[in-house]
């Protein structure tokens, strides 16, 4: 059934970015606002988010790096990590086989 609901669990991307030293929360302003995150998959797929998008201080988007689906580890074709944007209307920016998150700041 394509309409079934699944539950992913993991860590908010905003928290990962914060712990990695990215400018987030109240400090995200000025030149830093012109930054973006590239989510890279092991198979070469990539998706881009404005740095403010996964930061719940800006947008209640709840973008996560998930390691479980419905309480069990992700399937091999999805993980071990998957970036999930639960409020996205399309799944195109959900990245399975997530390999890394890269923060890029645009030059002035």
Protein backbone atom coordinates (compact mmCIF):
# COMPACT_ATOMS: atom_id res chain seq x y z
CA UNK A 1 0.00 0.00 0.00
CA UNK A 2 1.59 3.28 -1.13
CA UNK A 3 -0.42 5.30 1.40
CA UNK A 4 0.93 3.61 4.51
CA UNK A 5 2.57 5.77 7.15
CA UNK A 6 6.09 4.99 8.31
CA UNK A 7 7.99 6.48 11.22
CA UNK A 8 11.63 7.40 10.91
CA UNK A 9 13.69 8.15 14.02
CA UNK A 10 17.05 9.84 14.29
CA UNK A 11 18.77 13.13 15.07
CA UNK A 12 17.72 16.58 13.88
CA UNK A 13 20.05 17.82 11.14
CA UNK A 14 20.16 21.20 12.88
CA UNK A 15 21.65 19.54 15.96
CA UNK A 16 24.24 17.71 13.85
CA UNK A 17 25.21 20.98 12.16
CA UNK A 18 25.45 22.74 15.52
CA UNK A 19 27.71 20.04 16.97
CA UNK A 20 29.81 20.15 13.80
CA UNK A 21 30.46 23.87 14.30
CA UNK A 22 28.10 25.31 11.67
CA UNK A 23 26.55 28.72 12.28
CA UNK A 24 22.97 28.01 13.41
CA UNK A 25 20.25 29.41 15.65
CA UNK A 26 20.52 33.05 16.73
CA UNK A 27 24.01 33.36 15.18
CA UNK A 28 22.66 32.53 11.69
CA UNK A 29 22.34 35.98 10.14
CA UNK A 30 24.28 38.37 7.94
CA UNK A 31 26.70 36.71 5.54
CA UNK A 32 26.16 33.32 7.18
CA UNK A 33 22.57 33.22 5.91
CA UNK A 34 23.95 32.76 2.38
CA UNK A 35 25.11 29.25 3.24
CA UNK A 36 23.75 25.90 2.22
CA UNK A 37 24.02 22.22 3.10
CA UNK A 38 24.73 19.52 0.53
CA UNK A 39 23.59 16.06 1.58
CA UNK A 40 25.78 13.50 -0.20
CA UNK A 41 24.78 9.87 -0.69
CA UNK A 42 27.17 6.95 -1.14
CA UNK A 43 25.67 6.32 -4.59
CA UNK A 44 26.42 9.89 -5.80
CA UNK A 45 22.96 11.37 -5.23
CA UNK A 46 22.94 14.86 -3.72
CA UNK A 47 20.33 17.26 -2.36
CA UNK A 48 20.71 20.89 -1.30
CA UNK A 49 19.10 22.74 1.61
CA UNK A 50 19.52 26.38 2.58
CA UNK A 51 21.36 26.32 5.92
CA UNK A 52 18.30 27.81 7.65
CA UNK A 53 15.95 25.04 6.41
CA UNK A 54 17.03 22.23 8.76
CA UNK A 55 17.52 24.69 11.65
CA UNK A 56 14.39 24.49 13.81
CA UNK A 57 15.19 27.99 15.13
CA UNK A 58 14.20 29.21 11.63
CA UNK A 59 11.82 26.63 10.21
CA UNK A 60 9.99 23.85 12.07
CA UNK A 61 10.95 21.42 9.34
CA UNK A 62 12.15 18.53 11.54
CA UNK A 63 14.68 17.35 8.93
CA UNK A 64 16.50 14.38 10.48
CA UNK A 65 19.25 11.90 9.84
CA UNK A 66 17.39 8.69 10.49
CA UNK A 67 18.79 5.31 11.42
CA UNK A 68 15.52 3.48 12.05
CA UNK A 69 12.19 3.02 10.31
CA UNK A 70 9.21 1.81 12.32
CA UNK A 71 11.56 0.96 15.20
CA UNK A 72 13.93 -1.24 13.21
CA UNK A 73 17.24 -0.44 11.48
CA UNK A 74 16.97 0.97 7.97
CA UNK A 75 16.98 -1.53 5.14
CA UNK A 76 20.38 -1.97 3.44
CA UNK A 77 19.21 -0.06 0.33
CA UNK A 78 18.28 2.93 2.53
CA UNK A 79 21.02 3.20 5.11
CA UNK A 80 22.69 2.96 7.50
CA UNK A 81 21.60 6.64 7.49
CA UNK A 82 18.93 8.47 5.56
CA UNK A 83 18.20 12.18 5.51
CA UNK A 84 14.43 12.56 5.85
CA UNK A 85 12.42 15.76 5.36
CA UNK A 86 9.04 14.70 6.76
CA UNK A 87 7.25 17.91 5.85
CA UNK A 88 8.46 17.91 2.25
CA UNK A 89 5.70 17.42 -0.29
CA UNK A 90 7.96 15.32 -2.51
CA UNK A 91 10.63 12.84 -1.52
CA UNK A 92 13.29 14.19 -3.90
CA UNK A 93 15.35 15.75 -1.09
CA UNK A 94 15.20 12.71 1.12
CA UNK A 95 18.65 11.16 0.72
CA UNK A 96 19.09 7.44 1.27
CA UNK A 97 22.57 6.00 1.87
CA UNK A 98 23.59 9.34 3.40
CA UNK A 99 27.36 9.60 3.42
CA UNK A 100 28.01 13.15 4.63
CA UNK A 101 26.66 16.66 5.11
CA UNK A 102 28.71 19.51 3.66
CA UNK A 103 28.17 23.14 4.68
CA UNK A 104 29.06 25.65 1.98
CA UNK A 105 29.21 29.41 2.53
CA UNK A 106 28.80 31.54 -0.59
CA UNK A 107 31.58 34.07 -1.09
CA UNK A 108 30.69 37.76 -1.04
